Amino acid sequence: MDSKRDNNKEQEGEVEKITAVLLKSHSGEFDLESILFLKFRGLGIHDLGCIGDCMNLERLDLSGNNIVNLAPLSSLRLLSVLNLSANRISNLEPLHSCENLTNLNLAGNIISSIDHLLCLQSLRKLESIRLNDNTYNYSNPVCRNVSYRTIVLEMFPTLKVLDGERVVGRGSDLYHLCKDIDDTIKAGLYKNGQLVEHQHCKPWVEDTYWEIKRSNNAIVEEAYKQFNDILHECRLLNNRATHAISQSERSMSLKKQPKQYAI
């Protein structure tokens, strides 16, 4: 009865626990160690089960579930991108061994203290972390701390993007500060809409310097990553479809062959 109930839940799009069967059916792989990408978004998962057996997993989306315990993720040493948004996570300790993590989304959980982030300081490759997402109204209690951004940036000197905003390069706070100063200088060159010719100060840089290029736009970068994820899924589906068609054609050709009788 329990297995029948679990099958019904999977058919309805709800999964309580990640199993080997579920991993293989979602990835199209027969070997768990061959799985590189997984997306289990909004399935009601609360038990990560045997996901730690996917030793070569590189990208994992577990957003919109009921996950509390991250222990099974501790063995995923090659994991690079991890989305855990909209769950019930407070303890991040198991992630300290995911040494290849570069992009981590934790928005919409119950992380209440800066101290809970200390275990992530060993992640030397971490470039992007999200604890707050205004687009979906996801946050964490820790984000209410008035010094939250300053403390997080000091804790993680390798960060390039915090909560979807660049913290280095032209998207940083320094960029906005310098631009505001230049705008103020330009405004001082005019009086009543007329250029004051005796002013000789010039902006620090050319106007075109402030144009944000595509490669510096964190939103575009994230969209590009998501597009690649979808493209990868399409390729997997295409391979599975091609395999199924090949098997069907082979089966039909065997049926059409004339029967041979021994004389």
C-alpha atoms as a PDB file:
ATOM      1  CA  MET A   1       0.000   0.000   0.000  1.00  0.00           C
ATOM      2  CA  ASP A   2       2.836   2.433   0.859  1.00  0.00           C
ATOM      3  CA  SER A   3       4.563   1.954  -2.515  1.00  0.00           C
ATOM      4  CA  LYS A   4       1.239   2.427  -4.297  1.00  0.00           C
ATOM      5  CA  ARG A   5       0.606   5.649  -2.369  1.00  0.00           C
ATOM      6  CA  ASP A   6       4.126   6.909  -3.214  1.00  0.00           C
ATOM      7  CA  ASN A   7       3.550   6.169  -6.922  1.00  0.00           C
ATOM      8  CA  ASN A   8       0.293   8.109  -6.841  1.00  0.00           C
ATOM      9  CA  LYS A   9       2.048  11.085  -5.264  1.00  0.00           C
ATOM     10  CA  GLU A  10       4.742  11.029  -7.938  1.00  0.00           C
ATOM     11  CA  GLN A  11       2.076  10.967 -10.645  1.00  0.00           C
ATOM     12  CA  GLU A  12       0.404  13.960  -8.988  1.00  0.00           C
ATOM     13  CA  GLY A  13       3.719  15.832  -8.970  1.00  0.00           C
ATOM     14  CA  GLU A  14       4.401  15.398  -5.234  1.00  0.00           C
ATOM     15  CA  VAL A  15       7.433  13.523  -3.931  1.00  0.00           C
ATOM     16  CA  GLU A  16       8.260  13.181  -0.228  1.00  0.00           C
ATOM     17  CA  LYS A  17      11.624  11.438  -0.585  1.00  0.00           C
ATOM     18  CA  ILE A  18      14.236  11.280  -3.335  1.00  0.00           C
ATOM     19  CA  THR A  19      14.860   7.678  -4.386  1.00  0.00           C
ATOM     20  CA  ALA A  20      17.163   6.025  -6.921  1.00  0.00           C
ATOM     21  CA  VAL A  21      14.161   5.330  -9.165  1.00  0.00           C
ATOM     22  CA  LEU A  22      13.148   8.984  -9.061  1.00  0.00           C
ATOM     23  CA  LEU A  23      16.690  10.143  -9.847  1.00  0.00           C
ATOM     24  CA  LYS A  24      16.972   7.837 -12.841  1.00  0.00           C
ATOM     25  CA  SER A  25      13.527   8.691 -14.220  1.00  0.00           C
ATOM     26  CA  HIS A  26      14.142  12.451 -13.989  1.00  0.00           C
ATOM     27  CA  SER A  27      17.630  12.349 -15.485  1.00  0.00           C
ATOM     28  CA  GLY A  28      17.244   9.579 -18.059  1.00  0.00           C
ATOM     29  CA  GLU A  29      20.463   8.026 -16.743  1.00  0.00           C
ATOM     30  CA  PHE A  30      20.816   4.399 -15.614  1.00  0.00           C
ATOM     31  CA  ASP A  31      23.833   5.121 -13.416  1.00  0.00           C
ATOM     32  CA  LEU A  32      23.496   7.675 -10.590  1.00  0.00           C
ATOM     33  CA  GLU A  33      27.137   8.695 -10.968  1.00  0.00           C
ATOM     34  CA  SER A  34      26.442   9.752 -14.575  1.00  0.00           C
ATOM     35  CA  ILE A  35      23.912  12.416 -13.538  1.00  0.00           C
ATOM     36  CA  LEU A  36      25.240  15.964 -13.958  1.00  0.00           C
ATOM     37  CA  PHE A  37      22.074  18.054 -13.716  1.00  0.00           C
ATOM     38  CA  LEU A  38      18.848  17.709 -11.695  1.00  0.00           C
ATOM     39  CA  LYS A  39      15.789  19.897 -11.242  1.00  0.00           C
ATOM     40  CA  PHE A  40      13.293  18.989  -8.487  1.00  0.00           C
ATOM     41  CA  ARG A  41      11.375  22.244  -8.221  1.00  0.00           C
ATOM     42  CA  GLY A  42       8.172  22.492  -6.168  1.00  0.00           C
ATOM     43  CA  LEU A  43       7.602  18.768  -5.584  1.00  0.00           C
ATOM     44  CA  GLY A  44       7.015  18.862  -1.822  1.00  0.00           C
ATOM     45  CA  ILE A  45      10.284  17.055  -1.066  1.00  0.00           C
ATOM     46  CA  HIS A  46      11.327  16.936   2.596  1.00  0.00           C
ATOM     47  CA  ASP A  47      13.811  14.034   2.511  1.00  0.00           C
ATOM     48  CA  LEU A  48      16.810  14.190   0.142  1.00  0.00           C
ATOM     49  CA  GLY A  49      17.225  10.429   0.407  1.00  0.00           C
ATOM     50  CA  CYS A  50      20.029   9.014  -1.747  1.00  0.00           C
ATOM     51  CA  ILE A  51      20.811  12.166  -3.736  1.00  0.00           C
ATOM     52  CA  GLY A  52      24.321  12.033  -2.257  1.00  0.00           C
ATOM     53  CA  ASP A  53      25.001   9.024  -4.507  1.00  0.00           C
ATOM     54  CA  CYS A  54      25.049  11.353  -7.530  1.00  0.00           C
ATOM     55  CA  MET A  55      28.746  11.972  -6.931  1.00  0.00           C
ATOM     56  CA  ASN A  56      29.343  13.905 -10.181  1.00  0.00           C
ATOM     57  CA  LEU A  57      26.348  16.220  -9.914  1.00  0.00           C
ATOM     58  CA  GLU A  58      27.231  19.779 -10.988  1.00  0.00           C
ATOM     59  CA  ARG A  59      23.915  21.683 -11.005  1.00  0.00           C
ATOM     60  CA  LEU A  60      20.989  21.070  -8.645  1.00  0.00           C
ATOM     61  CA  ASP A  61      17.649  22.877  -8.266  1.00  0.00           C
ATOM     62  CA  LEU A  62      15.655  21.977  -5.129  1.00  0.00           C
ATOM     63  CA  SER A  63      13.678  25.213  -4.848  1.00  0.00           C
ATOM     64  CA  GLY A  64      10.101  25.330  -3.555  1.00  0.00           C
ATOM     65  CA  ASN A  65      10.154  22.207  -1.378  1.00  0.00           C
ATOM     66  CA  ASN A  66      10.012  21.411   2.363  1.00  0.00           C
ATOM     67  CA  ILE A  67      13.672  20.571   2.926  1.00  0.00           C
ATOM     68  CA  VAL A  68      15.190  20.991   6.397  1.00  0.00           C
ATOM     69  CA  ASN A  69      18.137  18.576   6.516  1.00  0.00           C
ATOM     70  CA  LEU A  70      20.946  19.117   3.989  1.00  0.00           C
ATOM     71  CA  ALA A  71      23.169  16.272   5.221  1.00  0.00           C
ATOM     72  CA  PRO A  72      22.852  14.165   2.002  1.00  0.00           C
ATOM     73  CA  LEU A  73      24.413  17.026   0.014  1.00  0.00           C
ATOM     74  CA  SER A  74      27.723  16.858   1.889  1.00  0.00           C
ATOM     75  CA  SER A  75      29.166  14.269  -0.531  1.00  0.00           C
ATOM     76  CA  LEU A  76      28.541  16.377  -3.654  1.00  0.00           C
ATOM     77  CA  ARG A  77      32.089  17.728  -4.001  1.00  0.00           C
ATOM     78  CA  LEU A  78      31.670  18.716  -7.676  1.00  0.00           C
ATOM     79  CA  LEU A  79      28.450  20.669  -7.187  1.00  0.00           C
ATOM     80  CA  SER A  80      28.805  24.135  -8.719  1.00  0.00           C
ATOM     81  CA  VAL A  81      25.282  25.630  -8.791  1.00  0.00           C
ATOM     82  CA  LEU A  82      22.761  24.965  -6.003  1.00  0.00           C
ATOM     83  CA  ASN A  83      19.271  26.455  -5.683  1.00  0.00           C
ATOM     84  CA  LEU A  84      17.670  25.875  -2.273  1.00  0.00           C
ATOM     85  CA  SER A  85      15.276  28.824  -2.301  1.00  0.00           C
ATOM     86  CA  ALA A  86      11.841  28.576  -0.666  1.00  0.00           C
ATOM     87  CA  ASN A  87      12.499  25.711   1.740  1.00  0.00           C
ATOM     88  CA  ARG A  88      12.754  25.470   5.557  1.00  0.00           C
ATOM     89  CA  ILE A  89      16.522  25.480   5.976  1.00  0.00           C
ATOM     90  CA  SER A  90      18.366  26.951   8.959  1.00  0.00           C
ATOM     91  CA  ASN A  91      21.464  24.734   9.249  1.00  0.00           C
ATOM     92  CA  LEU A  92      23.970  25.097   6.402  1.00  0.00           C
ATOM     93  CA  GLU A  93      26.783  23.054   7.951  1.00  0.00           C
ATOM     94  CA  PRO A  94      26.628  20.150   5.407  1.00  0.00           C
ATOM     95  CA  LEU A  95      27.443  22.564   2.567  1.00  0.00           C
ATOM     96  CA  HIS A  96      30.929  23.367   3.863  1.00  0.00           C
ATOM     97  CA  SER A  97      32.294  20.286   2.051  1.00  0.00           C
ATOM     98  CA  CYS A  98      30.786  21.297  -1.331  1.00  0.00           C
ATOM     99  CA  GLU A  99      34.102  22.891  -2.215  1.00  0.00           C
ATOM    100  CA  ASN A 100      33.268  23.677  -5.853  1.00  0.00           C
ATOM    101  CA  LEU A 101      30.159  25.753  -5.158  1.00  0.00           C
ATOM    102  CA  THR A 102      30.185  29.020  -7.102  1.00  0.00           C
ATOM    103  CA  ASN A 103      26.484  29.934  -7.084  1.00  0.00           C
ATOM    104  CA  LEU A 104      24.234  29.408  -4.033  1.00  0.00           C
ATOM    105  CA  ASN A 105      20.591  30.511  -3.691  1.00  0.00           C
ATOM    106  CA  LEU A 106      19.207  30.382  -0.122  1.00  0.00           C
ATOM    107  CA  ALA A 107      16.448  33.001  -0.410  1.00  0.00           C
ATOM    108  CA  GLY A 108      13.161  32.167   1.291  1.00  0.00           C
ATOM    109  CA  ASN A 109      14.474  30.053   4.176  1.00  0.00           C
ATOM    110  CA  ILE A 110      14.752  30.559   7.955  1.00  0.00           C
ATOM    111  CA  ILE A 111      18.418  31.481   8.346  1.00  0.00           C
ATOM    112  CA  SER A 112      18.265  33.770  11.363  1.00  0.00           C
ATOM    113  CA  SER A 113      21.861  34.683  12.173  1.00  0.00           C
ATOM    114  CA  ILE A 114      25.101  35.691  10.502  1.00  0.00           C
ATOM    115  CA  ASP A 115      26.728  32.930  12.556  1.00  0.00           C
ATOM    116  CA  HIS A 116      24.827  30.368  10.481  1.00  0.00           C
ATOM    117  CA  LEU A 117      26.824  31.513   7.435  1.00  0.00           C
ATOM    118  CA  LEU A 118      30.248  30.992   9.021  1.00  0.00           C
ATOM    119  CA  CYS A 119      30.414  27.375   7.828  1.00  0.00           C
ATOM    120  CA  LEU A 120      30.368  28.612   4.211  1.00  0.00           C
ATOM    121  CA  GLN A 121      33.614  30.567   4.557  1.00  0.00           C
ATOM    122  CA  SER A 122      35.562  27.476   3.473  1.00  0.00           C
ATOM    123  CA  LEU A 123      33.953  27.733   0.007  1.00  0.00           C
ATOM    124  CA  ARG A 124      36.801  29.552  -1.751  1.00  0.00           C
ATOM    125  CA  LYS A 125      35.124  29.472  -5.156  1.00  0.00           C
ATOM    126  CA  LEU A 126      31.816  31.013  -4.045  1.00  0.00           C
ATOM    127  CA  GLU A 127      31.044  33.972  -6.327  1.00  0.00           C
ATOM    128  CA  SER A 128      27.298  34.436  -5.940  1.00  0.00           C
ATOM    129  CA  ILE A 129      25.055  34.007  -2.902  1.00  0.00           C
ATOM    130  CA  ARG A 130      21.409  34.999  -2.566  1.00  0.00           C
ATOM    131  CA  LEU A 131      19.611  35.292   0.756  1.00  0.00           C
ATOM    132  CA  ASN A 132      17.073  37.869  -0.372  1.00  0.00           C
ATOM    133  CA  ASP A 133      15.030  37.940  -3.589  1.00  0.00           C
ATOM    134  CA  ASN A 134      12.665  40.873  -4.043  1.00  0.00           C
ATOM    135  CA  THR A 135      11.302  39.442  -7.281  1.00  0.00           C
ATOM    136  CA  TYR A 136       9.583  36.552  -5.482  1.00  0.00           C
ATOM    137  CA  ASN A 137       9.424  38.238  -2.068  1.00  0.00           C
ATOM    138  CA  TYR A 138      11.803  35.620  -0.636  1.00  0.00           C
ATOM    139  CA  SER A 139      14.045  36.521   2.280  1.00  0.00           C
ATOM    140  CA  ASN A 140      15.624  35.267   5.517  1.00  0.00           C
ATOM    141  CA  PRO A 141      15.430  36.706   9.049  1.00  0.00           C
ATOM    142  CA  VAL A 142      19.166  37.474   8.887  1.00  0.00           C
ATOM    143  CA  CYS A 143      18.498  40.037   6.143  1.00  0.00           C
ATOM    144  CA  ARG A 144      16.776  42.297   8.702  1.00  0.00           C
ATOM    145  CA  ASN A 145      20.158  43.028  10.252  1.00  0.00           C
ATOM    146  CA  VAL A 146      21.037  46.614   9.275  1.00  0.00           C
ATOM    147  CA  SER A 147      24.672  45.606   8.711  1.00  0.00           C
ATOM    148  CA  TYR A 148      23.774  42.439   6.823  1.00  0.00           C
ATOM    149  CA  ARG A 149      25.308  43.356   3.439  1.00  0.00           C
ATOM    150  CA  THR A 150      28.494  44.808   4.911  1.00  0.00           C
ATOM    151  CA  ILE A 151      29.103  41.792   7.145  1.00  0.00           C
ATOM    152  CA  VAL A 152      28.417  39.253   4.385  1.00  0.00           C
ATOM    153  CA  LEU A 153      30.789  40.997   1.974  1.00  0.00           C
ATOM    154  CA  GLU A 154      33.522  41.005   4.613  1.00  0.00           C
ATOM    155  CA  MET A 155      32.941  37.314   5.316  1.00  0.00           C
ATOM    156  CA  PHE A 156      33.128  36.315   1.636  1.00  0.00           C
ATOM    157  CA  PRO A 157      35.821  38.360  -0.142  1.00  0.00           C
ATOM    158  CA  THR A 158      35.454  36.272  -3.339  1.00  0.00           C
ATOM    159  CA  LEU A 159      31.808  37.286  -3.845  1.00  0.00           C
ATOM    160  CA  LYS A 160      30.954  38.997  -7.113  1.00  0.00           C
ATOM    161  CA  VAL A 161      27.164  38.950  -6.747  1.00  0.00           C
ATOM    162  CA  LEU A 162      25.086  39.329  -3.562  1.00  0.00           C
ATOM    163  CA  ASP A 163      21.288  38.993  -3.745  1.00  0.00           C
ATOM    164  CA  GLY A 164      21.386  39.403  -7.517  1.00  0.00           C
ATOM    165  CA  GLU A 165      23.425  42.635  -7.432  1.00  0.00           C
ATOM    166  CA  ARG A 166      27.044  42.934  -8.472  1.00  0.00           C
ATOM    167  CA  VAL A 167      29.432  43.829  -5.665  1.00  0.00           C
ATOM    168  CA  VAL A 168      32.533  44.224  -7.859  1.00  0.00           C
ATOM    169  CA  GLY A 169      33.058  45.965 -11.180  1.00  0.00           C
ATOM    170  CA  ARG A 170      30.625  48.429 -12.689  1.00  0.00           C
ATOM    171  CA  GLY A 171      27.674  47.028 -10.806  1.00  0.00           C
ATOM    172  CA  SER A 172      29.158  47.611  -7.371  1.00  0.00           C
ATOM    173  CA  ASP A 173      28.275  50.184  -4.731  1.00  0.00           C
ATOM    174  CA  LEU A 174      31.493  52.004  -5.633  1.00  0.00           C
ATOM    175  CA  TYR A 175      30.280  52.297  -9.199  1.00  0.00           C
ATOM    176  CA  HIS A 176      27.037  53.914  -8.069  1.00  0.00           C
ATOM    177  CA  LEU A 177      28.895  56.239  -5.710  1.00  0.00           C
ATOM    178  CA  CYS A 178      31.319  57.415  -8.401  1.00  0.00           C
ATOM    179  CA  LYS A 179      28.508  57.888 -10.890  1.00  0.00           C
ATOM    180  CA  ASP A 180      26.563  60.000  -8.401  1.00  0.00           C
ATOM    181  CA  ILE A 181      29.637  62.169  -7.850  1.00  0.00           C
ATOM    182  CA  ASP A 182      30.104  62.646 -11.592  1.00  0.00           C
ATOM    183  CA  ASP A 183      26.429  63.503 -12.008  1.00  0.00           C
ATOM    184  CA  THR A 184      26.776  66.102  -9.254  1.00  0.00           C
ATOM    185  CA  ILE A 185      29.838  67.599 -10.932  1.00  0.00           C
ATOM    186  CA  LYS A 186      27.989  67.794 -14.255  1.00  0.00           C
ATOM    187  CA  ALA A 187      25.006  69.422 -12.577  1.00  0.00           C
ATOM    188  CA  GLY A 188      27.352  72.080 -11.152  1.00  0.00           C
ATOM    189  CA  LEU A 189      28.429  73.075 -14.658  1.00  0.00           C
ATOM    190  CA  TYR A 190      24.975  74.464 -15.381  1.00  0.00           C
ATOM    191  CA  LYS A 191      23.069  77.373 -13.907  1.00  0.00           C
ATOM    192  CA  ASN A 192      19.456  77.999 -14.889  1.00  0.00           C
ATOM    193  CA  GLY A 193      19.899  75.532 -17.727  1.00  0.00           C
ATOM    194  CA  GLN A 194      22.907  77.417 -19.167  1.00  0.00           C
ATOM    195  CA  LEU A 195      26.497  76.170 -19.307  1.00  0.00           C
ATOM    196  CA  VAL A 196      28.775  78.139 -16.958  1.00  0.00           C
ATOM    197  CA  GLU A 197      31.884  78.610 -19.093  1.00  0.00           C
ATOM    198  CA  HIS A 198      34.288  79.564 -16.315  1.00  0.00           C
ATOM    199  CA  GLN A 199      33.935  76.074 -14.851  1.00  0.00           C
ATOM    200  CA  HIS A 200      36.875  73.952 -16.024  1.00  0.00           C
ATOM    201  CA  CYS A 201      36.371  70.717 -14.079  1.00  0.00           C
ATOM    202  CA  LYS A 202      35.718  67.592 -16.120  1.00  0.00           C
ATOM    203  CA  PRO A 203      34.152  64.224 -15.338  1.00  0.00           C
ATOM    204  CA  TRP A 204      36.564  61.533 -14.183  1.00  0.00           C
ATOM    205  CA  VAL A 205      35.747  59.253 -17.120  1.00  0.00           C
ATOM    206  CA  GLU A 206      34.009  59.346 -20.492  1.00  0.00           C
ATOM    207  CA  ASP A 207      30.192  59.077 -20.536  1.00  0.00           C
ATOM    208  CA  THR A 208      30.317  55.743 -22.360  1.00  0.00           C
ATOM    209  CA  TYR A 209      32.265  54.251 -19.429  1.00  0.00           C
ATOM    210  CA  TRP A 210      29.037  53.930 -17.437  1.00  0.00           C
ATOM    211  CA  GLU A 211      27.281  51.821 -20.053  1.00  0.00           C
ATOM    212  CA  ILE A 212      26.678  48.392 -18.545  1.00  0.00           C
ATOM    213  CA  LYS A 213      27.776  45.693 -20.927  1.00  0.00           C
ATOM    214  CA  ARG A 214      25.987  42.395 -21.240  1.00  0.00           C
ATOM    215  CA  SER A 215      28.773  40.478 -19.520  1.00  0.00           C
ATOM    216  CA  ASN A 216      28.468  42.715 -16.451  1.00  0.00           C
ATOM    217  CA  ASN A 217      24.738  42.334 -16.009  1.00  0.00           C
ATOM    218  CA  ALA A 218      23.990  39.804 -13.262  1.00  0.00           C
ATOM    219  CA  ILE A 219      20.368  39.403 -14.355  1.00  0.00           C
ATOM    220  CA  VAL A 220      21.367  38.558 -17.930  1.00  0.00           C
ATOM    221  CA  GLU A 221      24.008  36.134 -16.651  1.00  0.00           C
ATOM    222  CA  GLU A 222      21.441  34.340 -14.513  1.00  0.00           C
ATOM    223  CA  ALA A 223      18.990  34.175 -17.443  1.00  0.00           C
ATOM    224  CA  TYR A 224      21.776  32.789 -19.631  1.00  0.00           C
ATOM    225  CA  LYS A 225      22.494  30.055 -17.067  1.00  0.00           C
ATOM    226  CA  GLN A 226      18.810  29.148 -16.866  1.00  0.00           C
ATOM    227  CA  PHE A 227      18.623  28.989 -20.666  1.00  0.00           C
ATOM    228  CA  ASN A 228      21.569  26.585 -20.701  1.00  0.00           C
ATOM    229  CA  ASP A 229      19.817  24.447 -18.095  1.00  0.00           C
ATOM    230  CA  ILE A 230      16.689  24.241 -20.261  1.00  0.00           C
ATOM    231  CA  LEU A 231      18.787  23.507 -23.353  1.00  0.00           C
ATOM    232  CA  HIS A 232      20.527  20.680 -21.492  1.00  0.00           C
ATOM    233  CA  GLU A 233      17.152  19.211 -20.504  1.00  0.00           C
ATOM    234  CA  CYS A 234      15.955  19.415 -24.118  1.00  0.00           C
ATOM    235  CA  ARG A 235      19.032  17.491 -25.250  1.00  0.00           C
ATOM    236  CA  LEU A 236      18.365  14.792 -22.666  1.00  0.00           C
ATOM    237  CA  LEU A 237      14.742  14.502 -23.796  1.00  0.00           C
ATOM    238  CA  ASN A 238      15.859  14.356 -27.435  1.00  0.00           C
ATOM    239  CA  ASN A 239      18.289  11.524 -26.670  1.00  0.00           C
ATOM    240  CA  ARG A 240      15.595   9.583 -24.836  1.00  0.00           C
ATOM    241  CA  ALA A 241      13.106  10.148 -27.668  1.00  0.00           C
ATOM    242  CA  THR A 242      15.641   9.056 -30.297  1.00  0.00           C
ATOM    243  CA  HIS A 243      16.387   5.909 -28.297  1.00  0.00           C
ATOM    244  CA  ALA A 244      12.665   5.106 -27.927  1.00  0.00           C
ATOM    245  CA  ILE A 245      12.021   5.628 -31.659  1.00  0.00           C
ATOM    246  CA  SER A 246      14.990   3.421 -32.547  1.00  0.00           C
ATOM    247  CA  GLN A 247      13.694   0.629 -30.332  1.00  0.00           C
ATOM    248  CA  SER A 248      10.189   0.928 -31.792  1.00  0.00           C
ATOM    249  CA  GLU A 249      11.486   0.800 -35.376  1.00  0.00           C
ATOM    250  CA  ARG A 250      13.605  -2.217 -34.586  1.00  0.00           C
ATOM    251  CA  SER A 251      10.661  -3.966 -32.968  1.00  0.00           C
ATOM    252  CA  MET A 252       8.416  -3.253 -35.986  1.00  0.00           C
ATOM    253  CA  SER A 253      11.041  -4.462 -38.458  1.00  0.00           C
ATOM    254  CA  LEU A 254      11.342  -7.755 -36.599  1.00  0.00           C
ATOM    255  CA  LYS A 255       7.587  -8.254 -36.732  1.00  0.00           C
ATOM    256  CA  LYS A 256       7.530  -7.662 -40.503  1.00  0.00           C
ATOM    257  CA  GLN A 257      10.153 -10.320 -41.263  1.00  0.00           C
ATOM    258  CA  PRO A 258       8.582 -13.468 -42.843  1.00  0.00           C
ATOM    259  CA  LYS A 259       8.517 -16.499 -40.632  1.00  0.00           C
ATOM    260  CA  GLN A 260      10.907 -19.269 -41.638  1.00  0.00           C
ATOM    261  CA  TYR A 261       9.963 -22.896 -41.240  1.00  0.00           C
ATOM    262  CA  ALA A 262      12.420 -25.762 -41.067  1.00  0.00           C
ATOM    263  CA  ILE A 263      11.928 -28.420 -43.785  1.00  0.00           C
END
